Amino acid sequence: MNSGPAQLAAFVRVIDRGGFAAAAEGSGLTASGLSKAVTRLEDRLGVRLLQRTTRRLILTPEGETMLARARDILAAIEAAEAEVTAARGKPRGLVRLNTGTAYAKHRLAPLLPGLHARYPDITLDLSIADRRVDVIGEQVDIAIRTGPLGDSSLVARRIGEATRIIVASPDYLKRMGIPRSQADLGVHTCLTLSGLARLADWPLRVDGRVVLHPVKAAITSDSADLLLDMVLSGLGIARLASFLMEDALADGRLVPVMADIHVPEVLPVTALMPPGRQHWPRVRAVLDYLVENASVTRSPG
């Protein structure tokens, strides 16, 4: 690993994996080989990029700068290679995509036959998790997220919108009554999404203004799909993305609740990518396909 790009790749891999031993796993390289590559890079630059301790690696200020530049350089190299390869035919290669259970089941899965038919040489590695993953550290090419985005170095592209509504089953409402006011929620079985504090506050119109009502939840879960099953079974009331419930709303298994005072929050659905990854033909092909079909597939919750 004497070339500049190889040394940069070793440096980035070590940081992303959190150490030399972890970086060596699955790479075909040894921890000592990676360490030597990073040392050669430091010697060539004449600066220390890493402070090595017995427990962890700490980036120096120069290392922070180099890491950002190294990612851009490596992404540009791979993009150039991919474009040259793609010029001979359709995009090809592996795309790692991460999303939550609800989007994967209700929106992504129906798209896969069409995506595969259009791009048979693209291989998808789907990681489904109802948690926020480390996109860079876990080597994700595209991560689909719903809601406001925090500050991030990731590249974002909007692919749709999601609307949250409050729903319950007719059996539950017949048994427990129909909530019509903020106060009524206190005597009902409310089910909420966990993970973000804002999901436990339901926006309602009270006396002409919008208030965030803190819901006392009987059950919380990080899986919107599981909460949907609970609502369908008549367990309680939940506030979920409408795309999850299209069929159930259409055939009457679920009905909207408090529609006259609930504020149907519209949230962006965004694809997040490590810098430079959006230029890779195979990543761009998958992303463009998702955007193209957003009006058909609606949005994740």
C-alpha atoms as a PDB file:
ATOM      1  CA  MET A   1       0.000   0.000   0.000  1.00  0.00           C
ATOM      2  CA  ASN A   2       2.632   2.455  -1.101  1.00  0.00           C
ATOM      3  CA  SER A   3       0.521   4.563  -3.473  1.00  0.00           C
ATOM      4  CA  GLY A   4      -1.109   7.776  -2.323  1.00  0.00           C
ATOM      5  CA  PRO A   5      -4.715   6.663  -2.949  1.00  0.00           C
ATOM      6  CA  ALA A   6      -4.106   3.353  -1.172  1.00  0.00           C
ATOM      7  CA  GLN A   7      -2.706   5.168   1.858  1.00  0.00           C
ATOM      8  CA  LEU A   8      -5.679   7.532   1.880  1.00  0.00           C
ATOM      9  CA  ALA A   9      -8.047   4.567   1.654  1.00  0.00           C
ATOM     10  CA  ALA A  10      -6.279   2.891   4.578  1.00  0.00           C
ATOM     11  CA  PHE A  11      -6.488   6.082   6.644  1.00  0.00           C
ATOM     12  CA  VAL A  12     -10.220   6.535   5.976  1.00  0.00           C
ATOM     13  CA  ARG A  13     -11.003   2.867   6.627  1.00  0.00           C
ATOM     14  CA  VAL A  14      -9.181   2.927   9.956  1.00  0.00           C
ATOM     15  CA  ILE A  15     -11.144   5.975  11.088  1.00  0.00           C
ATOM     16  CA  ASP A  16     -14.482   4.647   9.869  1.00  0.00           C
ATOM     17  CA  ARG A  17     -13.970   1.282  11.571  1.00  0.00           C
ATOM     18  CA  GLY A  18     -12.558   2.769  14.777  1.00  0.00           C
ATOM     19  CA  GLY A  19      -9.176   1.056  14.797  1.00  0.00           C
ATOM     20  CA  PHE A  20      -6.597  -0.933  12.876  1.00  0.00           C
ATOM     21  CA  ALA A  21      -7.848  -4.369  13.917  1.00  0.00           C
ATOM     22  CA  ALA A  22     -11.456  -3.577  13.017  1.00  0.00           C
ATOM     23  CA  ALA A  23     -10.358  -2.032   9.720  1.00  0.00           C
ATOM     24  CA  ALA A  24      -8.402  -5.163   8.829  1.00  0.00           C
ATOM     25  CA  GLU A  25     -11.469  -7.405   9.109  1.00  0.00           C
ATOM     26  CA  GLY A  26     -12.791  -8.329   5.698  1.00  0.00           C
ATOM     27  CA  SER A  27     -10.264  -6.164   3.886  1.00  0.00           C
ATOM     28  CA  GLY A  28      -7.664  -8.778   3.027  1.00  0.00           C
ATOM     29  CA  LEU A  29      -5.102  -6.670   4.883  1.00  0.00           C
ATOM     30  CA  THR A  30      -3.481  -6.975   8.278  1.00  0.00           C
ATOM     31  CA  ALA A  31      -3.710  -4.467  11.096  1.00  0.00           C
ATOM     32  CA  SER A  32       0.049  -3.938  10.932  1.00  0.00           C
ATOM     33  CA  GLY A  33      -0.145  -3.366   7.176  1.00  0.00           C
ATOM     34  CA  LEU A  34      -2.795  -0.703   7.646  1.00  0.00           C
ATOM     35  CA  SER A  35      -0.773   0.909  10.417  1.00  0.00           C
ATOM     36  CA  LYS A  36       2.282   1.073   8.181  1.00  0.00           C
ATOM     37  CA  ALA A  37       0.242   2.616   5.373  1.00  0.00           C
ATOM     38  CA  VAL A  38      -1.052   5.377   7.656  1.00  0.00           C
ATOM     39  CA  THR A  39       2.461   5.960   9.008  1.00  0.00           C
ATOM     40  CA  ARG A  40       3.819   6.294   5.462  1.00  0.00           C
ATOM     41  CA  LEU A  41       1.092   8.820   4.707  1.00  0.00           C
ATOM     42  CA  GLU A  42       2.017  10.814   7.811  1.00  0.00           C
ATOM     43  CA  ASP A  43       5.702  10.681   6.918  1.00  0.00           C
ATOM     44  CA  ARG A  44       4.997  11.841   3.388  1.00  0.00           C
ATOM     45  CA  LEU A  45       2.920  14.758   4.654  1.00  0.00           C
ATOM     46  CA  GLY A  46       5.249  15.569   7.517  1.00  0.00           C
ATOM     47  CA  VAL A  47       2.404  15.776  10.056  1.00  0.00           C
ATOM     48  CA  ARG A  48       0.674  13.494  12.549  1.00  0.00           C
ATOM     49  CA  LEU A  49      -2.861  12.594  11.509  1.00  0.00           C
ATOM     50  CA  LEU A  50      -3.629  10.314  14.448  1.00  0.00           C
ATOM     51  CA  GLN A  51      -2.818  10.249  18.125  1.00  0.00           C
ATOM     52  CA  ARG A  52      -2.541   6.574  19.010  1.00  0.00           C
ATOM     53  CA  THR A  53      -3.460   5.471  22.524  1.00  0.00           C
ATOM     54  CA  THR A  54      -3.950   2.015  23.992  1.00  0.00           C
ATOM     55  CA  ARG A  55      -7.727   2.483  23.893  1.00  0.00           C
ATOM     56  CA  ARG A  56      -8.522   4.526  20.823  1.00  0.00           C
ATOM     57  CA  LEU A  57      -7.363   6.683  17.953  1.00  0.00           C
ATOM     58  CA  ILE A  58      -7.789  10.443  18.100  1.00  0.00           C
ATOM     59  CA  LEU A  59      -7.679  12.625  15.013  1.00  0.00           C
ATOM     60  CA  THR A  60      -5.354  15.605  15.167  1.00  0.00           C
ATOM     61  CA  PRO A  61      -6.565  18.897  13.633  1.00  0.00           C
ATOM     62  CA  GLU A  62      -4.513  18.008  10.568  1.00  0.00           C
ATOM     63  CA  GLY A  63      -6.148  14.586  10.583  1.00  0.00           C
ATOM     64  CA  GLU A  64      -9.620  16.139  10.632  1.00  0.00           C
ATOM     65  CA  THR A  65      -8.764  18.215   7.574  1.00  0.00           C
ATOM     66  CA  MET A  66      -7.160  15.291   5.798  1.00  0.00           C
ATOM     67  CA  LEU A  67     -10.113  12.987   6.488  1.00  0.00           C
ATOM     68  CA  ALA A  68     -12.565  15.313   4.764  1.00  0.00           C
ATOM     69  CA  ARG A  69     -10.259  15.787   1.776  1.00  0.00           C
ATOM     70  CA  ALA A  70      -9.462  12.080   1.589  1.00  0.00           C
ATOM     71  CA  ARG A  71     -13.147  11.178   1.385  1.00  0.00           C
ATOM     72  CA  ASP A  72     -13.608  13.633  -1.497  1.00  0.00           C
ATOM     73  CA  ILE A  73     -10.551  12.312  -3.312  1.00  0.00           C
ATOM     74  CA  LEU A  74     -11.512   8.658  -2.965  1.00  0.00           C
ATOM     75  CA  ALA A  75     -15.107   9.395  -3.968  1.00  0.00           C
ATOM     76  CA  ALA A  76     -13.888  11.254  -7.054  1.00  0.00           C
ATOM     77  CA  ILE A  77     -11.626   8.364  -8.039  1.00  0.00           C
ATOM     78  CA  GLU A  78     -14.410   5.804  -7.663  1.00  0.00           C
ATOM     79  CA  ALA A  79     -16.878   8.049  -9.491  1.00  0.00           C
ATOM     80  CA  ALA A  80     -14.464   8.430 -12.404  1.00  0.00           C
ATOM     81  CA  GLU A  81     -13.868   4.686 -12.566  1.00  0.00           C
ATOM     82  CA  ALA A  82     -17.599   3.991 -12.366  1.00  0.00           C
ATOM     83  CA  GLU A  83     -18.398   6.486 -15.126  1.00  0.00           C
ATOM     84  CA  VAL A  84     -15.803   4.918 -17.406  1.00  0.00           C
ATOM     85  CA  THR A  85     -17.241   1.482 -16.676  1.00  0.00           C
ATOM     86  CA  ALA A  86     -20.820   2.706 -17.096  1.00  0.00           C
ATOM     87  CA  ALA A  87     -19.947   4.120 -20.487  1.00  0.00           C
ATOM     88  CA  ARG A  88     -19.725   0.513 -21.684  1.00  0.00           C
ATOM     89  CA  GLY A  89     -23.239  -0.269 -20.509  1.00  0.00           C
ATOM     90  CA  LYS A  90     -25.719   0.171 -17.680  1.00  0.00           C
ATOM     91  CA  PRO A  91     -24.640   1.081 -14.127  1.00  0.00           C
ATOM     92  CA  ARG A  92     -23.319  -1.873 -12.213  1.00  0.00           C
ATOM     93  CA  GLY A  93     -21.999  -2.744  -8.773  1.00  0.00           C
ATOM     94  CA  LEU A  94     -23.067  -2.830  -5.131  1.00  0.00           C
ATOM     95  CA  VAL A  95     -25.312  -0.192  -3.511  1.00  0.00           C
ATOM     96  CA  ARG A  96     -25.786  -0.312   0.259  1.00  0.00           C
ATOM     97  CA  LEU A  97     -29.146   1.147   1.214  1.00  0.00           C
ATOM     98  CA  ASN A  98     -30.455   1.685   4.734  1.00  0.00           C
ATOM     99  CA  THR A  99     -34.002   2.476   5.780  1.00  0.00           C
ATOM    100  CA  GLY A 100     -36.585   1.711   8.433  1.00  0.00           C
ATOM    101  CA  THR A 101     -38.937  -1.247   8.527  1.00  0.00           C
ATOM    102  CA  ALA A 102     -42.039   0.690   7.475  1.00  0.00           C
ATOM    103  CA  TYR A 103     -40.508   2.192   4.331  1.00  0.00           C
ATOM    104  CA  ALA A 104     -38.826  -1.084   3.426  1.00  0.00           C
ATOM    105  CA  LYS A 105     -42.031  -3.089   3.697  1.00  0.00           C
ATOM    106  CA  HIS A 106     -44.607  -0.678   2.328  1.00  0.00           C
ATOM    107  CA  ARG A 107     -42.656   1.319  -0.231  1.00  0.00           C
ATOM    108  CA  LEU A 108     -39.274  -0.116  -1.119  1.00  0.00           C
ATOM    109  CA  ALA A 109     -40.197  -3.777  -1.543  1.00  0.00           C
ATOM    110  CA  PRO A 110     -42.820  -3.100  -4.242  1.00  0.00           C
ATOM    111  CA  LEU A 111     -40.229  -1.093  -6.190  1.00  0.00           C
ATOM    112  CA  LEU A 112     -37.538  -3.744  -6.260  1.00  0.00           C
ATOM    113  CA  PRO A 113     -38.823  -5.771  -9.243  1.00  0.00           C
ATOM    114  CA  GLY A 114     -38.907  -2.654 -11.424  1.00  0.00           C
ATOM    115  CA  LEU A 115     -35.547  -1.437 -10.158  1.00  0.00           C
ATOM    116  CA  HIS A 116     -33.940  -4.812 -10.839  1.00  0.00           C
ATOM    117  CA  ALA A 117     -35.495  -5.017 -14.291  1.00  0.00           C
ATOM    118  CA  ARG A 118     -34.081  -1.627 -15.216  1.00  0.00           C
ATOM    119  CA  TYR A 119     -30.666  -2.149 -13.631  1.00  0.00           C
ATOM    120  CA  PRO A 120     -29.967  -5.898 -13.518  1.00  0.00           C
ATOM    121  CA  ASP A 121     -26.243  -5.315 -12.911  1.00  0.00           C
ATOM    122  CA  ILE A 122     -26.811  -3.337  -9.699  1.00  0.00           C
ATOM    123  CA  THR A 123     -26.708  -5.419  -6.521  1.00  0.00           C
ATOM    124  CA  LEU A 124     -28.541  -4.056  -3.478  1.00  0.00           C
ATOM    125  CA  ASP A 125     -27.443  -4.671   0.101  1.00  0.00           C
ATOM    126  CA  LEU A 126     -30.445  -3.617   2.199  1.00  0.00           C
ATOM    127  CA  SER A 127     -30.004  -2.909   5.900  1.00  0.00           C
ATOM    128  CA  ILE A 128     -33.340  -2.462   7.650  1.00  0.00           C
ATOM    129  CA  ALA A 129     -33.167  -0.823  11.071  1.00  0.00           C
ATOM    130  CA  ASP A 130     -35.525   1.353  13.091  1.00  0.00           C
ATOM    131  CA  ARG A 131     -32.613   3.404  14.411  1.00  0.00           C
ATOM    132  CA  ARG A 132     -30.318   6.088  13.080  1.00  0.00           C
ATOM    133  CA  VAL A 133     -27.245   4.411  11.669  1.00  0.00           C
ATOM    134  CA  ASP A 134     -23.811   5.932  11.213  1.00  0.00           C
ATOM    135  CA  VAL A 135     -23.974   6.371   7.452  1.00  0.00           C
ATOM    136  CA  ILE A 136     -20.253   6.883   6.966  1.00  0.00           C
ATOM    137  CA  GLY A 137     -19.032   4.495   9.649  1.00  0.00           C
ATOM    138  CA  GLU A 138     -21.300   1.680   8.481  1.00  0.00           C
ATOM    139  CA  GLN A 139     -20.423   2.222   4.807  1.00  0.00           C
ATOM    140  CA  VAL A 140     -23.984   3.074   3.726  1.00  0.00           C
ATOM    141  CA  ASP A 141     -24.405   4.534   0.231  1.00  0.00           C
ATOM    142  CA  ILE A 142     -27.994   5.770   0.628  1.00  0.00           C
ATOM    143  CA  ALA A 143     -29.913   6.219   3.885  1.00  0.00           C
ATOM    144  CA  ILE A 144     -33.575   7.225   3.705  1.00  0.00           C
ATOM    145  CA  ARG A 145     -34.813   9.450   6.526  1.00  0.00           C
ATOM    146  CA  THR A 146     -38.103  11.162   7.381  1.00  0.00           C
ATOM    147  CA  GLY A 147     -38.372  14.519   9.111  1.00  0.00           C
ATOM    148  CA  PRO A 148     -36.186  17.574   9.688  1.00  0.00           C
ATOM    149  CA  LEU A 149     -32.466  17.011   9.226  1.00  0.00           C
ATOM    150  CA  GLY A 150     -29.807  18.126  11.665  1.00  0.00           C
ATOM    151  CA  ASP A 151     -26.488  19.611  10.711  1.00  0.00           C
ATOM    152  CA  SER A 152     -24.503  17.042   8.808  1.00  0.00           C
ATOM    153  CA  SER A 153     -21.707  16.636   6.315  1.00  0.00           C
ATOM    154  CA  LEU A 154     -23.882  14.179   4.402  1.00  0.00           C
ATOM    155  CA  VAL A 155     -25.282  15.044   0.986  1.00  0.00           C
ATOM    156  CA  ALA A 156     -29.091  15.257   1.016  1.00  0.00           C
ATOM    157  CA  ARG A 157     -31.610  14.845  -1.788  1.00  0.00           C
ATOM    158  CA  ARG A 158     -35.333  15.104  -1.226  1.00  0.00           C
ATOM    159  CA  ILE A 159     -37.318  12.182  -2.573  1.00  0.00           C
ATOM    160  CA  GLY A 160     -40.817  12.829  -1.229  1.00  0.00           C
ATOM    161  CA  GLU A 161     -43.010  13.780   1.694  1.00  0.00           C
ATOM    162  CA  ALA A 162     -44.820  12.024   4.528  1.00  0.00           C
ATOM    163  CA  THR A 163     -47.992  13.112   6.330  1.00  0.00           C
ATOM    164  CA  ARG A 164     -48.810  11.957   9.840  1.00  0.00           C
ATOM    165  CA  ILE A 165     -52.421  11.443  10.904  1.00  0.00           C
ATOM    166  CA  ILE A 166     -54.087  10.089  14.057  1.00  0.00           C
ATOM    167  CA  VAL A 167     -55.996   6.830  13.537  1.00  0.00           C
ATOM    168  CA  ALA A 168     -57.830   4.089  15.401  1.00  0.00           C
ATOM    169  CA  SER A 169     -59.896   1.027  14.533  1.00  0.00           C
ATOM    170  CA  PRO A 170     -63.714   1.184  14.544  1.00  0.00           C
ATOM    171  CA  ASP A 171     -63.781  -1.607  17.162  1.00  0.00           C
ATOM    172  CA  TYR A 172     -61.563   0.402  19.503  1.00  0.00           C
ATOM    173  CA  LEU A 173     -63.659   3.557  19.085  1.00  0.00           C
ATOM    174  CA  LYS A 174     -66.884   1.621  19.653  1.00  0.00           C
ATOM    175  CA  ARG A 175     -65.430   0.202  22.860  1.00  0.00           C
ATOM    176  CA  MET A 176     -63.669   3.317  24.192  1.00  0.00           C
ATOM    177  CA  GLY A 177     -65.476   6.226  22.562  1.00  0.00           C
ATOM    178  CA  ILE A 178     -64.274   8.830  20.084  1.00  0.00           C
ATOM    179  CA  PRO A 179     -61.760  11.400  21.379  1.00  0.00           C
ATOM    180  CA  ARG A 180     -62.654  14.903  20.258  1.00  0.00           C
ATOM    181  CA  SER A 181     -60.459  17.183  22.369  1.00  0.00           C
ATOM    182  CA  GLN A 182     -57.000  17.448  23.853  1.00  0.00           C
ATOM    183  CA  ALA A 183     -58.371  16.443  27.251  1.00  0.00           C
ATOM    184  CA  ASP A 184     -60.016  13.301  25.825  1.00  0.00           C
ATOM    185  CA  LEU A 185     -56.637  11.790  24.955  1.00  0.00           C
ATOM    186  CA  GLY A 186     -55.898  11.376  28.653  1.00  0.00           C
ATOM    187  CA  VAL A 187     -58.418   8.527  28.965  1.00  0.00           C
ATOM    188  CA  HIS A 188     -57.421   6.714  25.793  1.00  0.00           C
ATOM    189  CA  THR A 189     -54.723   4.133  25.081  1.00  0.00           C
ATOM    190  CA  CYS A 190     -52.159   6.058  23.058  1.00  0.00           C
ATOM    191  CA  LEU A 191     -49.333   4.379  21.160  1.00  0.00           C
ATOM    192  CA  THR A 192     -46.310   6.460  20.156  1.00  0.00           C
ATOM    193  CA  LEU A 193     -43.113   6.192  18.171  1.00  0.00           C
ATOM    194  CA  SER A 194     -39.913   6.359  20.179  1.00  0.00           C
ATOM    195  CA  GLY A 195     -36.483   7.517  19.132  1.00  0.00           C
ATOM    196  CA  LEU A 196     -37.228  11.230  18.788  1.00  0.00           C
ATOM    197  CA  ALA A 197     -38.820  13.285  21.569  1.00  0.00           C
ATOM    198  CA  ARG A 198     -40.948  15.267  19.107  1.00  0.00           C
ATOM    199  CA  LEU A 199     -42.866  12.127  18.098  1.00  0.00           C
ATOM    200  CA  ALA A 200     -44.480  11.973  21.543  1.00  0.00           C
ATOM    201  CA  ASP A 201     -45.910  15.499  21.124  1.00  0.00           C
ATOM    202  CA  TRP A 202     -48.987  15.596  18.911  1.00  0.00           C
ATOM    203  CA  PRO A 203     -49.749  18.993  17.289  1.00  0.00           C
ATOM    204  CA  LEU A 204     -53.347  20.040  17.988  1.00  0.00           C
ATOM    205  CA  ARG A 205     -55.352  23.227  17.464  1.00  0.00           C
ATOM    206  CA  VAL A 206     -56.566  24.503  20.831  1.00  0.00           C
ATOM    207  CA  ASP A 207     -58.393  27.825  21.155  1.00  0.00           C
ATOM    208  CA  GLY A 208     -57.209  28.930  17.741  1.00  0.00           C
ATOM    209  CA  ARG A 209     -53.528  28.139  18.195  1.00  0.00           C
ATOM    210  CA  VAL A 210     -51.338  25.096  17.606  1.00  0.00           C
ATOM    211  CA  VAL A 211     -50.046  23.388  20.744  1.00  0.00           C
ATOM    212  CA  LEU A 212     -47.786  20.366  21.054  1.00  0.00           C
ATOM    213  CA  HIS A 213     -49.707  18.017  23.300  1.00  0.00           C
ATOM    214  CA  PRO A 214     -47.416  15.648  25.264  1.00  0.00           C
ATOM    215  CA  VAL A 215     -49.043  12.244  24.911  1.00  0.00           C
ATOM    216  CA  LYS A 216     -48.883   9.822  27.815  1.00  0.00           C
ATOM    217  CA  ALA A 217     -48.182   6.604  25.961  1.00  0.00           C
ATOM    218  CA  ALA A 218     -49.305   3.162  27.079  1.00  0.00           C
ATOM    219  CA  ILE A 219     -46.811   1.625  24.630  1.00  0.00           C
ATOM    220  CA  THR A 220     -43.899   3.125  22.725  1.00  0.00           C
ATOM    221  CA  SER A 221     -41.932   1.468  19.953  1.00  0.00           C
ATOM    222  CA  ASP A 222     -39.310   2.438  17.405  1.00  0.00           C
ATOM    223  CA  SER A 223     -41.221   0.441  14.775  1.00  0.00           C
ATOM    224  CA  ALA A 224     -44.066   2.244  13.016  1.00  0.00           C
ATOM    225  CA  ASP A 225     -45.056  -1.044  11.422  1.00  0.00           C
ATOM    226  CA  LEU A 226     -45.496  -2.714  14.805  1.00  0.00           C
ATOM    227  CA  LEU A 227     -47.594   0.203  16.048  1.00  0.00           C
ATOM    228  CA  LEU A 228     -49.765  -0.141  12.952  1.00  0.00           C
ATOM    229  CA  ASP A 229     -50.422  -3.793  13.796  1.00  0.00           C
ATOM    230  CA  MET A 230     -51.378  -2.769  17.343  1.00  0.00           C
ATOM    231  CA  VAL A 231     -53.840  -0.154  16.085  1.00  0.00           C
ATOM    232  CA  LEU A 232     -55.356  -2.614  13.632  1.00  0.00           C
ATOM    233  CA  SER A 233     -55.841  -5.098  16.473  1.00  0.00           C
ATOM    234  CA  GLY A 234     -57.873  -2.504  18.379  1.00  0.00           C
ATOM    235  CA  LEU A 235     -55.304  -1.860  21.096  1.00  0.00           C
ATOM    236  CA  GLY A 236     -55.296   1.931  20.892  1.00  0.00           C
ATOM    237  CA  ILE A 237     -54.740   5.179  18.995  1.00  0.00           C
ATOM    238  CA  ALA A 238     -51.572   6.151  17.134  1.00  0.00           C
ATOM    239  CA  ARG A 239     -50.218   8.963  14.975  1.00  0.00           C
ATOM    240  CA  LEU A 240     -48.541   7.453  11.937  1.00  0.00           C
ATOM    241  CA  ALA A 241     -47.665   8.189   8.334  1.00  0.00           C
ATOM    242  CA  SER A 242     -50.697   7.890   6.071  1.00  0.00           C
ATOM    243  CA  PHE A 243     -48.871   5.781   3.471  1.00  0.00           C
ATOM    244  CA  LEU A 244     -48.672   2.977   6.031  1.00  0.00           C
ATOM    245  CA  MET A 245     -52.449   2.840   6.262  1.00  0.00           C
ATOM    246  CA  GLU A 246     -53.724   3.484   2.747  1.00  0.00           C
ATOM    247  CA  ASP A 247     -55.384   0.094   2.382  1.00  0.00           C
ATOM    248  CA  ALA A 248     -56.717   0.025   5.947  1.00  0.00           C
ATOM    249  CA  LEU A 249     -58.191   3.526   5.579  1.00  0.00           C
ATOM    250  CA  ALA A 250     -59.700   2.671   2.214  1.00  0.00           C
ATOM    251  CA  ASP A 251     -61.471  -0.467   3.425  1.00  0.00           C
ATOM    252  CA  GLY A 252     -62.532   0.968   6.795  1.00  0.00           C
ATOM    253  CA  ARG A 253     -60.305  -1.080   9.074  1.00  0.00           C
ATOM    254  CA  LEU A 254     -58.932   2.233  10.348  1.00  0.00           C
ATOM    255  CA  VAL A 255     -60.499   5.690  10.539  1.00  0.00           C
ATOM    256  CA  PRO A 256     -58.981   9.135  11.114  1.00  0.00           C
ATOM    257  CA  VAL A 257     -59.427  10.522  14.621  1.00  0.00           C
ATOM    258  CA  MET A 258     -59.551  14.186  15.736  1.00  0.00           C
ATOM    259  CA  ALA A 259     -59.115  15.300  12.144  1.00  0.00           C
ATOM    260  CA  ASP A 260     -60.777  18.637  12.878  1.00  0.00           C
ATOM    261  CA  ILE A 261     -58.152  19.679  15.448  1.00  0.00           C
ATOM    262  CA  HIS A 262     -55.086  17.612  14.551  1.00  0.00           C
ATOM    263  CA  VAL A 263     -52.432  19.371  12.480  1.00  0.00           C
ATOM    264  CA  PRO A 264     -51.409  16.855   9.772  1.00  0.00           C
ATOM    265  CA  GLU A 265     -47.671  17.441   9.880  1.00  0.00           C
ATOM    266  CA  VAL A 266     -45.979  17.177   6.496  1.00  0.00           C
ATOM    267  CA  LEU A 267     -42.414  15.902   6.709  1.00  0.00           C
ATOM    268  CA  PRO A 268     -39.700  15.671   4.061  1.00  0.00           C
ATOM    269  CA  VAL A 269     -38.387  12.275   3.038  1.00  0.00           C
ATOM    270  CA  THR A 270     -34.693  12.564   2.275  1.00  0.00           C
ATOM    271  CA  ALA A 271     -31.938  10.391   0.888  1.00  0.00           C
ATOM    272  CA  LEU A 272     -28.619  10.968   2.669  1.00  0.00           C
ATOM    273  CA  MET A 273     -25.254  10.012   1.165  1.00  0.00           C
ATOM    274  CA  PRO A 274     -21.593  10.376   2.065  1.00  0.00           C
ATOM    275  CA  PRO A 275     -20.003  13.266   0.137  1.00  0.00           C
ATOM    276  CA  GLY A 276     -19.155  12.295  -3.425  1.00  0.00           C
ATOM    277  CA  ARG A 277     -21.281   9.174  -3.388  1.00  0.00           C
ATOM    278  CA  GLN A 278     -24.108  10.926  -5.249  1.00  0.00           C
ATOM    279  CA  HIS A 279     -21.896  11.031  -8.344  1.00  0.00           C
ATOM    280  CA  TRP A 280     -21.407   7.272  -8.535  1.00  0.00           C
ATOM    281  CA  PRO A 281     -23.482   6.031 -11.494  1.00  0.00           C
ATOM    282  CA  ARG A 282     -24.913   3.061  -9.604  1.00  0.00           C
ATOM    283  CA  VAL A 283     -25.904   5.204  -6.610  1.00  0.00           C
ATOM    284  CA  ARG A 284     -27.310   7.916  -8.851  1.00  0.00           C
ATOM    285  CA  ALA A 285     -29.322   5.319 -10.778  1.00  0.00           C
ATOM    286  CA  VAL A 286     -30.961   3.954  -7.622  1.00  0.00           C
ATOM    287  CA  LEU A 287     -31.580   7.435  -6.275  1.00  0.00           C
ATOM    288  CA  ASP A 288     -33.102   8.681  -9.538  1.00  0.00           C
ATOM    289  CA  TYR A 289     -35.368   5.636  -9.621  1.00  0.00           C
ATOM    290  CA  LEU A 290     -36.640   6.392  -6.111  1.00  0.00           C
ATOM    291  CA  VAL A 291     -37.276  10.034  -6.972  1.00  0.00           C
ATOM    292  CA  GLU A 292     -38.966   9.097 -10.241  1.00  0.00           C
ATOM    293  CA  ASN A 293     -41.382   6.795  -8.420  1.00  0.00           C
ATOM    294  CA  ALA A 294     -42.014   9.010  -5.389  1.00  0.00           C
ATOM    295  CA  SER A 295     -45.453  10.001  -6.634  1.00  0.00           C
ATOM    296  CA  VAL A 296     -46.326   6.333  -6.913  1.00  0.00           C
ATOM    297  CA  THR A 297     -44.638   5.053  -3.766  1.00  0.00           C
ATOM    298  CA  ARG A 298     -45.485   8.020  -1.573  1.00  0.00           C
ATOM    299  CA  SER A 299     -43.320   8.318   1.531  1.00  0.00           C
ATOM    300  CA  PRO A 300     -41.899   6.526   4.566  1.00  0.00           C
ATOM    301  CA  GLY A 301     -42.886   7.353   8.117  1.00  0.00           C
END
